[in-house]
Amino acid sequence: MEAVLEMEKDYQPGSKKQIVIFQLGTEEYAVDITHSREIIKPTKITKVPNTPDYVRGVINLRGQIVPVIDLRKRFNITVGKADKKKERIITIESRDTLVGLVVDSVNEVFWLNLTELEPAPEIEGGIKQEFIQGVGKKDDRLLILIDMERLLFADREAESEIM
């Protein structure tokens, strides 16, 4: 909700945000394209011991070691079955960190008017609200916009506050 309020502060009439829309289970999600570096077909993922279950492992992306997060597991999505042929890795760069996100499929890229973005409703269960930047409307579709900063760094920040 705070992220949506921040966007509203910077909102100019006609402001738009380009987003990448992807599928997880039966729902559509989106990330700001400015965080996305590229979309690739899954390659060999090397498992890393003692990592959370949602971390599939690491890949070698042109000489750079990139951790790979399974968003289905991260968001505890059990609905539907992923088609391995359509599965993709969206590489995301944030705070000088490159991370791969495994998604069921990438649907499209388009411009979202910020007037079509609303705060996420408070719902028990499902994705933690802190990971949701807002809900975008496109025609008759609802798109859950993911807050990449919080998704990637929430655990680290919580750990540093404890120490």
Protein backbone atom coordinates (compact mmCIF):
# COMPACT_ATOMS: atom_id res chain seq x y z
CA MET A 1 0.00 0.00 0.00
CA GLU A 2 2.85 2.38 0.82
CA ALA A 3 4.34 1.70 -2.63
CA VAL A 4 1.06 2.70 -4.30
CA LEU A 5 0.97 5.87 -2.21
CA GLU A 6 4.54 6.62 -3.26
CA MET A 7 3.53 6.20 -6.91
CA GLU A 8 0.56 8.50 -6.41
CA LYS A 9 2.91 11.18 -5.02
CA ASP A 10 4.94 11.07 -8.25
CA TYR A 11 1.85 10.69 -10.43
CA GLN A 12 1.55 13.00 -13.39
CA PRO A 13 -1.62 13.00 -15.54
CA GLY A 14 -1.13 10.40 -18.25
CA SER A 15 1.70 8.65 -16.34
CA LYS A 16 2.29 5.09 -17.39
CA LYS A 17 4.40 2.18 -16.23
CA GLN A 18 5.57 -0.57 -18.58
CA ILE A 19 5.09 -4.00 -17.04
CA VAL A 20 5.84 -7.64 -17.85
CA ILE A 21 2.79 -9.86 -17.30
CA PHE A 22 3.35 -13.49 -16.35
CA GLN A 23 1.31 -16.47 -15.22
CA LEU A 24 1.52 -18.35 -11.92
CA GLY A 25 -1.15 -21.01 -11.58
CA THR A 26 -4.44 -19.50 -12.74
CA GLU A 27 -3.57 -15.86 -11.95
CA GLU A 28 -1.69 -13.14 -13.80
CA TYR A 29 1.05 -11.19 -12.08
CA ALA A 30 3.26 -8.34 -13.24
CA VAL A 31 6.60 -6.69 -12.53
CA ASP A 32 7.83 -3.27 -13.54
CA ILE A 33 9.91 -3.74 -16.69
CA THR A 34 12.60 -1.42 -15.35
CA HIS A 35 13.58 -4.23 -12.94
CA SER A 36 13.61 -6.88 -15.69
CA ARG A 37 16.84 -7.51 -17.54
CA GLU A 38 15.76 -10.40 -19.77
CA ILE A 39 13.47 -13.40 -20.13
CA ILE A 40 15.10 -16.76 -20.78
CA LYS A 41 14.16 -20.41 -21.14
CA PRO A 42 15.18 -22.42 -18.08
CA THR A 43 18.69 -23.82 -18.22
CA LYS A 44 20.46 -26.23 -15.91
CA ILE A 45 19.81 -25.08 -12.36
CA THR A 46 22.36 -26.19 -9.77
CA LYS A 47 20.85 -26.83 -6.35
CA VAL A 48 22.43 -25.09 -3.36
CA PRO A 49 22.25 -26.78 0.05
CA ASN A 50 20.75 -25.05 3.10
CA THR A 51 18.63 -22.59 1.14
CA PRO A 52 14.91 -21.95 1.57
CA ASP A 53 12.67 -24.36 -0.37
CA TYR A 54 11.62 -21.62 -2.81
CA VAL A 55 15.24 -21.18 -3.98
CA ARG A 56 15.69 -23.62 -6.86
CA GLY A 57 19.43 -23.01 -7.00
CA VAL A 58 21.76 -21.01 -9.24
CA ILE A 59 22.38 -20.68 -12.97
CA ASN A 60 25.39 -19.52 -14.93
CA LEU A 61 24.18 -16.62 -17.08
CA ARG A 62 27.04 -15.67 -19.39
CA GLY A 63 29.61 -16.09 -16.62
CA GLN A 64 27.51 -14.53 -13.84
CA ILE A 65 26.15 -16.79 -11.09
CA VAL A 66 22.46 -15.96 -10.60
CA PRO A 67 20.23 -17.30 -7.80
CA VAL A 68 16.88 -18.61 -9.04
CA ILE A 69 13.65 -18.28 -7.05
CA ASP A 70 10.57 -20.38 -7.80
CA LEU A 71 7.71 -17.88 -7.43
CA ARG A 72 5.11 -20.67 -7.17
CA LYS A 73 6.83 -21.90 -4.02
CA ARG A 74 7.63 -18.40 -2.74
CA PHE A 75 3.94 -17.46 -2.95
CA ASN A 76 2.69 -20.93 -1.93
CA ILE A 77 0.71 -21.37 -5.15
CA THR A 78 -0.58 -24.92 -5.58
CA VAL A 79 -3.42 -24.30 -8.05
CA GLY A 80 -2.90 -25.63 -11.57
CA LYS A 81 0.09 -27.45 -12.96
CA ALA A 82 2.95 -25.67 -14.68
CA ASP A 83 3.69 -26.59 -18.30
CA LYS A 84 7.48 -27.05 -18.30
CA LYS A 85 7.61 -26.12 -22.01
CA LYS A 86 6.18 -22.65 -21.28
CA GLU A 87 8.14 -22.06 -18.08
CA ARG A 88 10.48 -19.05 -18.17
CA ILE A 89 13.01 -17.30 -15.97
CA ILE A 90 12.65 -13.53 -15.72
CA THR A 91 15.95 -12.04 -14.61
CA ILE A 92 15.41 -9.12 -12.26
CA GLU A 93 17.98 -6.56 -11.21
CA SER A 94 17.45 -4.62 -8.02
CA ARG A 95 19.94 -2.99 -5.65
CA ASP A 96 22.78 -4.23 -7.88
CA THR A 97 21.62 -7.82 -7.35
CA LEU A 98 20.59 -10.07 -10.24
CA VAL A 99 18.00 -12.78 -9.46
CA GLY A 100 16.07 -15.18 -11.68
CA LEU A 101 12.35 -15.70 -11.08
CA VAL A 102 10.79 -18.91 -12.39
CA VAL A 103 7.26 -18.30 -13.72
CA ASP A 104 4.78 -20.60 -15.48
CA SER A 105 4.79 -18.44 -18.62
CA VAL A 106 5.31 -14.87 -19.79
CA ASN A 107 2.14 -13.50 -21.36
CA GLU A 108 2.93 -10.00 -22.62
CA VAL A 109 4.47 -6.60 -22.02
CA PHE A 110 2.32 -3.48 -22.01
CA TRP A 111 1.91 0.04 -20.64
CA LEU A 112 -0.30 0.41 -17.57
CA ASN A 113 -1.81 3.80 -16.77
CA LEU A 114 -1.15 4.56 -13.12
CA THR A 115 -4.83 5.51 -12.82
CA GLU A 116 -5.56 1.79 -13.42
CA LEU A 117 -3.46 0.75 -10.41
CA GLU A 118 -5.23 0.33 -7.08
CA PRO A 119 -3.97 -0.67 -3.64
CA ALA A 120 -4.04 -4.38 -2.91
CA PRO A 121 -7.00 -5.50 -0.79
CA GLU A 122 -6.26 -6.93 2.65
CA ILE A 123 -6.76 -10.70 2.31
CA GLU A 124 -5.76 -13.44 4.73
CA GLY A 125 -3.63 -16.22 3.24
CA GLY A 126 -2.10 -16.26 -0.23
CA ILE A 127 0.71 -13.89 -1.10
CA LYS A 128 1.97 -11.73 1.74
CA GLN A 129 0.51 -8.26 1.27
CA GLU A 130 3.94 -6.71 1.68
CA PHE A 131 4.98 -8.24 -1.67
CA ILE A 132 2.07 -6.65 -3.56
CA GLN A 133 2.55 -3.15 -4.93
CA GLY A 134 -1.01 -2.94 -6.21
CA VAL A 135 -3.63 -4.43 -8.52
CA GLY A 136 -3.78 -3.23 -12.10
CA LYS A 137 -6.85 -3.39 -14.32
CA LYS A 138 -6.55 -4.19 -18.02
CA ASP A 139 -9.91 -4.62 -19.73
CA ASP A 140 -11.62 -7.43 -17.75
CA ARG A 141 -8.33 -8.72 -16.27
CA LEU A 142 -6.82 -8.02 -12.86
CA LEU A 143 -3.03 -8.05 -12.62
CA ILE A 144 -1.19 -8.36 -9.31
CA LEU A 145 1.82 -6.05 -9.45
CA ILE A 146 4.71 -7.45 -7.40
CA ASP A 147 6.94 -5.16 -5.33
CA MET A 148 10.35 -6.55 -6.32
CA GLU A 149 12.30 -4.67 -3.63
CA ARG A 150 10.23 -6.23 -0.87
CA LEU A 151 10.09 -9.66 -2.49
CA LEU A 152 13.86 -9.88 -2.85
CA PHE A 153 15.02 -8.07 0.28
CA ALA A 154 12.28 -8.42 2.95
CA ASP A 155 13.96 -11.43 4.59
CA ARG A 156 17.38 -9.74 4.67
CA GLU A 157 15.97 -6.56 6.19
CA ALA A 158 14.04 -8.52 8.82
CA GLU A 159 17.20 -10.43 9.75
CA SER A 160 19.25 -7.23 10.04
CA GLU A 161 16.62 -5.67 12.33
CA ILE A 162 16.85 -8.68 14.66
CA MET A 163 20.66 -8.46 14.89
